[in-house]
Amino acid sequence: MPHDKDQMHWHEPAGNKKAGFGQFKKQPTPYDAFMESEGIPVFRGIGIGKVQNLPLVPWKRTGGRGHYIQLFGTETKWGCYVVEVRSARAGAATTSNSSARRPSGAATWSRCRPQAR
């Protein structure tokens, strides 16, 4: 019988109720996999107040510290990031604390560009 307790069954939705049980999640794109493979955080949201407040972590590929930004609605269209790069005059002295304040002679850049198809 369809109303046995150990069997699932379906009822037509009524009123404001929606049909279905599951949640449908967006499949990760190749660019999502690329960002995750870089080893730096990815900010995902509808917007960001100040990119300067993002925590920057060491980014091996650029030699600086950085953070990716993926705004909702721009997936597969734009890739954004913030990177801090030390200037040549800042010298080789670094601190072991990656969340330390910005060293003198460092510049922070942010960039958005179309994703390659």
N, C-alpha and C. Protein backbone atom coordinates (compact mmCIF):
# COMPACT_ATOMS: atom_id res chain seq x y z
N MET A 1 0.84 -1.19 0.00
CA MET A 1 0.00 0.00 0.00
C MET A 1 0.88 1.25 0.00
N PRO A 2 0.47 2.32 -0.63
CA PRO A 2 1.29 3.52 -0.71
C PRO A 2 1.46 4.25 0.62
N HIS A 3 0.61 3.97 1.59
CA HIS A 3 0.72 4.68 2.88
C HIS A 3 1.35 3.83 3.96
N ASP A 4 2.04 2.75 3.60
CA ASP A 4 2.79 1.99 4.59
C ASP A 4 3.91 2.85 5.12
N LYS A 5 4.23 2.70 6.40
CA LYS A 5 5.21 3.56 7.05
C LYS A 5 6.62 3.38 6.50
N ASP A 6 6.96 2.23 5.99
CA ASP A 6 8.32 2.00 5.52
C ASP A 6 8.50 2.30 4.04
N GLN A 7 7.52 2.86 3.39
CA GLN A 7 7.63 3.20 1.97
C GLN A 7 7.42 4.71 1.78
N MET A 8 8.23 5.29 0.89
CA MET A 8 8.04 6.70 0.55
C MET A 8 7.01 6.80 -0.56
N HIS A 9 6.24 7.82 -0.56
CA HIS A 9 5.27 8.03 -1.61
C HIS A 9 5.12 9.52 -1.86
N TRP A 10 4.46 9.87 -2.90
CA TRP A 10 4.39 11.25 -3.33
C TRP A 10 2.95 11.74 -3.26
N HIS A 11 2.81 13.00 -2.84
CA HIS A 11 1.50 13.65 -2.83
C HIS A 11 1.59 14.91 -3.67
N GLU A 12 0.53 15.22 -4.38
CA GLU A 12 0.47 16.45 -5.17
C GLU A 12 0.60 17.64 -4.23
N PRO A 13 1.53 18.61 -4.50
CA PRO A 13 1.64 19.79 -3.64
C PRO A 13 0.39 20.65 -3.74
N ALA A 14 0.05 21.26 -2.63
CA ALA A 14 -1.14 22.12 -2.60
C ALA A 14 -0.77 23.47 -2.01
N GLY A 15 -1.42 24.49 -2.45
CA GLY A 15 -1.19 25.83 -1.91
C GLY A 15 0.20 26.33 -2.22
N ASN A 16 0.92 26.80 -1.19
CA ASN A 16 2.27 27.34 -1.36
C ASN A 16 3.36 26.30 -1.21
N LYS A 17 3.00 25.05 -1.03
CA LYS A 17 4.00 23.99 -0.85
C LYS A 17 4.66 23.68 -2.18
N LYS A 18 5.95 23.35 -2.12
CA LYS A 18 6.70 23.00 -3.32
C LYS A 18 6.86 21.49 -3.40
N ALA A 19 6.94 20.98 -4.59
CA ALA A 19 7.14 19.55 -4.79
C ALA A 19 8.62 19.22 -4.65
N GLY A 20 8.91 18.01 -4.23
CA GLY A 20 10.30 17.55 -4.19
C GLY A 20 10.87 17.53 -2.80
N PHE A 21 11.94 16.77 -2.67
CA PHE A 21 12.58 16.60 -1.37
C PHE A 21 13.98 17.22 -1.34
N GLY A 22 14.65 17.25 -2.47
CA GLY A 22 16.07 17.57 -2.48
C GLY A 22 16.41 19.03 -2.65
N GLN A 23 17.69 19.28 -2.43
CA GLN A 23 18.24 20.59 -2.71
C GLN A 23 19.15 20.43 -3.92
N PHE A 24 19.10 21.37 -4.81
CA PHE A 24 19.89 21.28 -6.02
C PHE A 24 21.04 22.27 -5.93
N LYS A 25 22.25 21.75 -5.92
CA LYS A 25 23.43 22.59 -5.81
C LYS A 25 24.09 22.75 -7.16
N LYS A 26 24.71 23.90 -7.35
CA LYS A 26 25.43 24.18 -8.59
C LYS A 26 26.66 23.28 -8.67
N GLN A 27 26.86 22.70 -9.82
CA GLN A 27 28.05 21.88 -10.04
C GLN A 27 29.26 22.80 -10.16
N PRO A 28 30.40 22.42 -9.54
CA PRO A 28 31.59 23.28 -9.65
C PRO A 28 32.09 23.35 -11.10
N THR A 29 32.52 24.53 -11.49
CA THR A 29 33.06 24.73 -12.83
C THR A 29 34.57 24.44 -12.81
N PRO A 30 35.19 24.31 -13.96
CA PRO A 30 36.66 24.15 -13.98
C PRO A 30 37.37 25.33 -13.30
N TYR A 31 36.81 26.54 -13.41
CA TYR A 31 37.44 27.69 -12.76
C TYR A 31 37.32 27.58 -11.23
N ASP A 32 36.20 27.03 -10.73
CA ASP A 32 36.07 26.79 -9.30
C ASP A 32 37.17 25.84 -8.83
N ALA A 33 37.38 24.77 -9.60
CA ALA A 33 38.43 23.80 -9.24
C ALA A 33 39.81 24.46 -9.28
N PHE A 34 40.04 25.33 -10.26
CA PHE A 34 41.32 26.04 -10.35
C PHE A 34 41.53 26.92 -9.12
N MET A 35 40.50 27.71 -8.74
CA MET A 35 40.64 28.59 -7.59
C MET A 35 40.95 27.78 -6.33
N GLU A 36 40.24 26.68 -6.13
CA GLU A 36 40.48 25.84 -4.95
C GLU A 36 41.88 25.24 -4.96
N SER A 37 42.40 24.91 -6.15
CA SER A 37 43.73 24.29 -6.24
C SER A 37 44.86 25.27 -5.94
N GLU A 38 44.58 26.57 -5.99
CA GLU A 38 45.60 27.59 -5.74
C GLU A 38 45.99 27.67 -4.27
N GLY A 39 45.15 27.15 -3.38
CA GLY A 39 45.49 27.14 -1.96
C GLY A 39 45.24 28.45 -1.23
N ILE A 40 44.46 29.36 -1.81
CA ILE A 40 44.11 30.59 -1.11
C ILE A 40 42.60 30.63 -0.95
N PRO A 41 42.10 31.41 0.00
CA PRO A 41 40.65 31.45 0.22
C PRO A 41 39.89 32.05 -0.96
N VAL A 42 38.63 31.66 -1.07
CA VAL A 42 37.74 32.19 -2.10
C VAL A 42 36.54 32.82 -1.38
N PHE A 43 36.37 34.13 -1.52
CA PHE A 43 35.20 34.80 -0.96
C PHE A 43 34.07 34.64 -1.95
N ARG A 44 32.92 34.13 -1.47
CA ARG A 44 31.73 34.00 -2.32
C ARG A 44 30.59 34.74 -1.63
N GLY A 45 29.98 35.65 -2.34
CA GLY A 45 28.87 36.41 -1.77
C GLY A 45 28.25 37.32 -2.81
N ILE A 46 27.22 38.05 -2.37
CA ILE A 46 26.51 38.95 -3.30
C ILE A 46 27.28 40.24 -3.50
N GLY A 47 28.14 40.58 -2.58
CA GLY A 47 28.95 41.79 -2.69
C GLY A 47 29.95 41.84 -1.56
N ILE A 48 30.85 42.78 -1.65
CA ILE A 48 31.87 42.93 -0.61
C ILE A 48 32.04 44.41 -0.31
N GLY A 49 32.11 44.74 0.97
CA GLY A 49 32.22 46.13 1.37
C GLY A 49 33.59 46.72 1.09
N LYS A 50 34.64 46.02 1.52
CA LYS A 50 36.00 46.53 1.37
C LYS A 50 36.93 45.35 1.12
N VAL A 51 37.57 45.32 -0.03
CA VAL A 51 38.48 44.21 -0.31
C VAL A 51 39.69 44.25 0.62
N GLN A 52 40.01 45.41 1.18
CA GLN A 52 41.14 45.51 2.09
C GLN A 52 40.92 44.71 3.37
N ASN A 53 39.66 44.38 3.68
CA ASN A 53 39.38 43.61 4.90
C ASN A 53 39.46 42.11 4.69
N LEU A 54 39.70 41.65 3.47
CA LEU A 54 39.84 40.21 3.23
C LEU A 54 41.16 39.73 3.81
N PRO A 55 41.16 38.57 4.45
CA PRO A 55 42.43 38.04 4.97
C PRO A 55 43.28 37.53 3.81
N LEU A 56 44.50 38.03 3.70
CA LEU A 56 45.41 37.61 2.64
C LEU A 56 46.33 36.52 3.16
N VAL A 57 46.48 35.47 2.38
CA VAL A 57 47.36 34.35 2.76
C VAL A 57 48.42 34.17 1.68
N PRO A 58 49.55 33.55 2.01
CA PRO A 58 50.61 33.36 1.01
C PRO A 58 50.09 32.64 -0.23
N TRP A 59 50.43 33.20 -1.39
CA TRP A 59 50.00 32.68 -2.69
C TRP A 59 51.25 32.32 -3.47
N LYS A 60 51.55 31.05 -3.51
CA LYS A 60 52.80 30.56 -4.09
C LYS A 60 52.98 31.00 -5.54
N ARG A 61 51.93 30.93 -6.34
CA ARG A 61 52.05 31.23 -7.77
C ARG A 61 52.46 32.67 -8.04
N THR A 62 51.99 33.62 -7.23
CA THR A 62 52.30 35.03 -7.47
C THR A 62 53.47 35.54 -6.64
N GLY A 63 53.84 34.80 -5.62
CA GLY A 63 54.92 35.27 -4.75
C GLY A 63 54.46 36.30 -3.74
N GLY A 64 53.17 36.57 -3.69
CA GLY A 64 52.63 37.53 -2.73
C GLY A 64 51.61 36.85 -1.83
N ARG A 65 50.68 37.63 -1.36
CA ARG A 65 49.57 37.09 -0.56
C ARG A 65 48.29 37.49 -1.26
N GLY A 66 47.25 36.63 -1.20
CA GLY A 66 46.06 36.95 -1.96
C GLY A 66 44.79 36.29 -1.47
N HIS A 67 43.72 36.57 -2.21
CA HIS A 67 42.38 36.07 -1.91
C HIS A 67 41.56 36.17 -3.20
N TYR A 68 40.87 35.09 -3.59
CA TYR A 68 39.97 35.14 -4.74
C TYR A 68 38.61 35.70 -4.31
N ILE A 69 37.89 36.30 -5.28
CA ILE A 69 36.55 36.82 -5.04
C ILE A 69 35.64 36.28 -6.14
N GLN A 70 34.56 35.62 -5.76
CA GLN A 70 33.58 35.13 -6.73
C GLN A 70 32.21 35.65 -6.30
N LEU A 71 31.73 36.70 -6.96
CA LEU A 71 30.44 37.28 -6.61
C LEU A 71 29.31 36.49 -7.24
N PHE A 72 28.24 36.30 -6.48
CA PHE A 72 27.08 35.56 -7.00
C PHE A 72 26.56 36.26 -8.25
N GLY A 73 26.27 35.49 -9.26
CA GLY A 73 25.78 36.03 -10.53
C GLY A 73 26.88 36.25 -11.54
N THR A 74 28.15 36.21 -11.12
CA THR A 74 29.25 36.40 -12.06
C THR A 74 29.97 35.08 -12.37
N GLU A 75 29.47 33.98 -11.82
CA GLU A 75 30.10 32.69 -12.07
C GLU A 75 30.14 32.44 -13.57
N THR A 76 31.24 31.90 -14.04
CA THR A 76 31.53 31.60 -15.46
C THR A 76 31.67 32.86 -16.31
N LYS A 77 31.62 34.04 -15.70
CA LYS A 77 31.76 35.28 -16.46
C LYS A 77 33.01 36.06 -16.05
N TRP A 78 33.20 36.27 -14.76
CA TRP A 78 34.30 37.09 -14.26
C TRP A 78 35.06 36.36 -13.17
N GLY A 79 36.36 36.54 -13.16
CA GLY A 79 37.21 36.04 -12.08
C GLY A 79 37.90 37.22 -11.43
N CYS A 80 37.79 37.34 -10.11
CA CYS A 80 38.38 38.48 -9.40
C CYS A 80 39.33 37.97 -8.33
N TYR A 81 40.33 38.78 -8.04
CA TYR A 81 41.24 38.44 -6.96
C TYR A 81 41.86 39.71 -6.39
N VAL A 82 42.39 39.57 -5.18
CA VAL A 82 43.16 40.62 -4.53
C VAL A 82 44.52 40.01 -4.26
N VAL A 83 45.58 40.72 -4.60
CA VAL A 83 46.93 40.21 -4.34
C VAL A 83 47.78 41.34 -3.79
N GLU A 84 48.60 41.00 -2.82
CA GLU A 84 49.56 41.94 -2.23
C GLU A 84 50.95 41.49 -2.67
N VAL A 85 51.65 42.37 -3.30
CA VAL A 85 52.98 42.04 -3.80
C VAL A 85 53.98 42.99 -3.17
N ARG A 86 55.07 42.44 -2.65
CA ARG A 86 56.10 43.26 -2.03
C ARG A 86 56.92 43.96 -3.12
N SER A 87 57.28 45.19 -2.86
CA SER A 87 58.12 45.91 -3.81
C SER A 87 59.58 45.48 -3.63
N ALA A 88 60.41 45.77 -4.60
CA ALA A 88 61.83 45.40 -4.53
C ALA A 88 62.52 46.11 -3.38
N ARG A 89 62.10 47.33 -3.08
CA ARG A 89 62.78 48.08 -2.02
C ARG A 89 62.37 47.63 -0.63
N ALA A 90 61.31 46.79 -0.53
CA ALA A 90 60.87 46.30 0.78
C ALA A 90 61.85 45.29 1.34
N GLY A 91 62.72 44.73 0.51
CA GLY A 91 63.73 43.80 0.99
C GLY A 91 63.19 42.40 1.15
N ALA A 92 64.04 41.51 1.58
CA ALA A 92 63.68 40.10 1.70
C ALA A 92 63.14 39.76 3.07
N ALA A 93 63.16 40.69 4.01
CA ALA A 93 62.68 40.39 5.36
C ALA A 93 61.18 40.15 5.34
N THR A 94 60.76 39.03 5.86
CA THR A 94 59.34 38.71 5.94
C THR A 94 59.02 38.30 7.36
N THR A 95 57.78 38.27 7.67
CA THR A 95 57.35 37.83 8.98
C THR A 95 56.75 36.44 8.87
N SER A 96 56.85 35.65 9.92
CA SER A 96 56.31 34.28 9.88
C SER A 96 54.81 34.28 10.08
N ASN A 97 54.24 35.38 10.53
CA ASN A 97 52.80 35.47 10.76
C ASN A 97 52.14 35.98 9.48
N SER A 98 51.43 35.10 8.75
CA SER A 98 50.86 35.50 7.46
C SER A 98 49.72 36.49 7.62
N SER A 99 49.14 36.60 8.81
CA SER A 99 48.05 37.56 8.99
C SER A 99 48.55 38.87 9.60
N ALA A 100 49.86 39.07 9.60
CA ALA A 100 50.42 40.31 10.16
C ALA A 100 50.02 41.49 9.30
N ARG A 101 50.17 42.70 9.87
CA ARG A 101 49.79 43.87 9.10
C ARG A 101 50.70 44.01 7.89
N ARG A 102 50.25 44.82 6.92
CA ARG A 102 50.96 44.97 5.65
C ARG A 102 52.36 45.51 5.89
N PRO A 103 53.39 44.84 5.35
CA PRO A 103 54.75 45.36 5.49
C PRO A 103 54.92 46.63 4.67
N SER A 104 55.85 47.48 5.09
CA SER A 104 56.08 48.71 4.33
C SER A 104 56.65 48.32 2.97
N GLY A 105 56.24 49.05 1.95
CA GLY A 105 56.72 48.75 0.60
C GLY A 105 55.86 47.73 -0.12
N ALA A 106 54.75 47.28 0.48
CA ALA A 106 53.88 46.32 -0.19
C ALA A 106 52.70 47.05 -0.80
N ALA A 107 52.25 46.58 -1.92
CA ALA A 107 51.10 47.17 -2.60
C ALA A 107 50.01 46.13 -2.74
N THR A 108 48.77 46.52 -2.58
CA THR A 108 47.64 45.61 -2.76
C THR A 108 46.91 45.96 -4.04
N TRP A 109 46.67 44.95 -4.86
CA TRP A 109 45.99 45.14 -6.14
C TRP A 109 44.77 44.24 -6.18
N SER A 110 43.72 44.72 -6.81
CA SER A 110 42.57 43.86 -7.07
C SER A 110 42.26 43.95 -8.55
N ARG A 111 41.77 42.84 -9.10
CA ARG A 111 41.52 42.80 -10.53
C ARG A 111 40.37 41.85 -10.82
N CYS A 112 39.53 42.24 -11.77
CA CYS A 112 38.48 41.37 -12.30
C CYS A 112 38.72 41.25 -13.79
N ARG A 113 38.57 40.04 -14.29
CA ARG A 113 38.74 39.83 -15.72
C ARG A 113 37.80 38.73 -16.19
N PRO A 114 37.45 38.73 -17.48
CA PRO A 114 36.58 37.68 -18.00
C PRO A 114 37.28 36.33 -17.88
N GLN A 115 36.51 35.29 -17.55
CA GLN A 115 37.07 33.95 -17.49
C GLN A 115 37.22 33.39 -18.88
N ALA A 116 38.28 32.63 -19.10
CA ALA A 116 38.50 32.00 -20.40
C ALA A 116 37.47 30.89 -20.60
N ARG A 117 37.03 30.73 -21.79
CA ARG A 117 36.03 29.69 -22.08
C ARG A 117 36.69 28.49 -22.65
